[in-house]
């Protein structure tokens, strides 16, 4: 079994400027290289990350591995979640 945090492959997308990000929810995105969280509109999504982009992330150490369904990220911070008080 692969190590890392599994993210559905369809949630790993490339924005119009070429930035590879994880789409979490409600227009919340995370840069896979810096870990930065930010909001942009869904119109900023150019396409789903391609094989060559995922391979470059694997070589750079951001991704442990990937397959047709999941991308396994290393050290990717999780988004904060509101808690019930």
Protein backbone atom coordinates (compact mmCIF):
# COMPACT_ATOMS: atom_id res chain seq x y z
CA UNK A 1 0.00 0.00 0.00
CA UNK A 2 1.38 3.45 -0.92
CA UNK A 3 2.45 5.94 1.74
CA UNK A 4 1.18 9.49 1.89
CA UNK A 5 -2.18 11.19 2.02
CA UNK A 6 -4.48 9.82 -0.69
CA UNK A 7 -6.33 12.47 -2.70
CA UNK A 8 -8.79 11.56 -5.44
CA UNK A 9 -7.04 12.16 -8.73
CA UNK A 10 -9.94 14.23 -10.09
CA UNK A 11 -9.32 16.74 -7.28
CA UNK A 12 -5.74 17.42 -8.46
CA UNK A 13 -6.08 20.15 -11.07
CA UNK A 14 -4.04 22.77 -12.88
CA UNK A 15 -5.11 26.40 -12.79
CA UNK A 16 -4.95 28.73 -15.78
CA UNK A 17 -1.52 30.02 -14.69
CA UNK A 18 -0.07 26.49 -14.54
CA UNK A 19 -0.21 26.07 -10.75
CA UNK A 20 -0.95 22.47 -9.67
CA UNK A 21 -3.43 22.46 -6.80
CA UNK A 22 -5.80 20.26 -4.82
CA UNK A 23 -9.44 21.34 -4.99
CA UNK A 24 -10.90 20.80 -1.53
CA UNK A 25 -14.37 22.37 -1.31
CA UNK A 26 -16.29 25.63 -1.78
CA UNK A 27 -13.61 27.07 -4.07
CA UNK A 28 -10.86 26.28 -1.52
CA UNK A 29 -7.66 25.20 -3.22
CA UNK A 30 -4.19 24.22 -1.98
CA UNK A 31 -0.93 24.63 -3.83
CA UNK A 32 0.72 21.19 -3.82
CA UNK A 33 4.25 22.62 -3.70
CA UNK A 34 3.92 25.38 -1.07
CA UNK A 35 0.92 24.06 0.89
CA UNK A 36 -0.74 27.49 0.63
CA UNK A 37 -4.56 27.54 0.87
CA UNK A 38 -6.48 30.09 -1.19
CA UNK A 39 -9.84 30.66 -2.84
CA UNK A 40 -10.44 31.13 -6.56
CA UNK A 41 -13.41 30.59 -8.78
CA UNK A 42 -13.89 27.27 -10.55
CA UNK A 43 -13.45 29.14 -13.83
CA UNK A 44 -9.72 29.31 -12.99
CA UNK A 45 -9.39 25.53 -13.41
CA UNK A 46 -7.71 24.74 -16.72
CA UNK A 47 -7.69 20.92 -16.60
CA UNK A 48 -7.05 17.84 -14.44
CA UNK A 49 -3.39 17.20 -13.73
CA UNK A 50 -1.80 15.12 -16.48
CA UNK A 51 0.51 12.14 -16.14
CA UNK A 52 3.65 14.19 -16.90
CA UNK A 53 2.75 16.76 -14.23
CA UNK A 54 2.13 14.07 -11.62
CA UNK A 55 5.41 12.40 -12.54
CA UNK A 56 7.26 15.73 -12.10
CA UNK A 57 5.67 16.06 -8.64
CA UNK A 58 6.77 12.51 -7.81
CA UNK A 59 10.35 13.22 -8.89
CA UNK A 60 10.37 16.46 -6.86
CA UNK A 61 9.25 14.59 -3.71
CA UNK A 62 5.78 16.16 -3.33
CA UNK A 63 4.04 12.94 -4.37
CA UNK A 64 4.86 9.42 -3.19
CA UNK A 65 2.98 7.74 -6.04
CA UNK A 66 -0.19 7.89 -8.10
CA UNK A 67 -2.48 5.64 -10.06
CA UNK A 68 -5.63 6.06 -12.11
CA UNK A 69 -7.71 6.94 -9.05
CA UNK A 70 -5.50 8.42 -6.31
CA UNK A 71 -2.50 10.70 -5.84
CA UNK A 72 -0.52 10.03 -2.64
CA UNK A 73 0.93 13.30 -1.32
CA UNK A 74 3.77 13.55 1.18
CA UNK A 75 3.60 16.25 3.86
CA UNK A 76 0.51 17.97 2.48
CA UNK A 77 -1.15 19.93 5.31
CA UNK A 78 -4.86 19.29 5.67
CA UNK A 79 -7.33 22.17 5.54
CA UNK A 80 -8.62 23.38 8.88
CA UNK A 81 -12.14 22.32 9.74
CA UNK A 82 -14.60 24.20 11.85
CA UNK A 83 -15.35 22.42 15.10
CA UNK A 84 -18.55 22.39 17.08
CA UNK A 85 -18.23 24.42 20.26
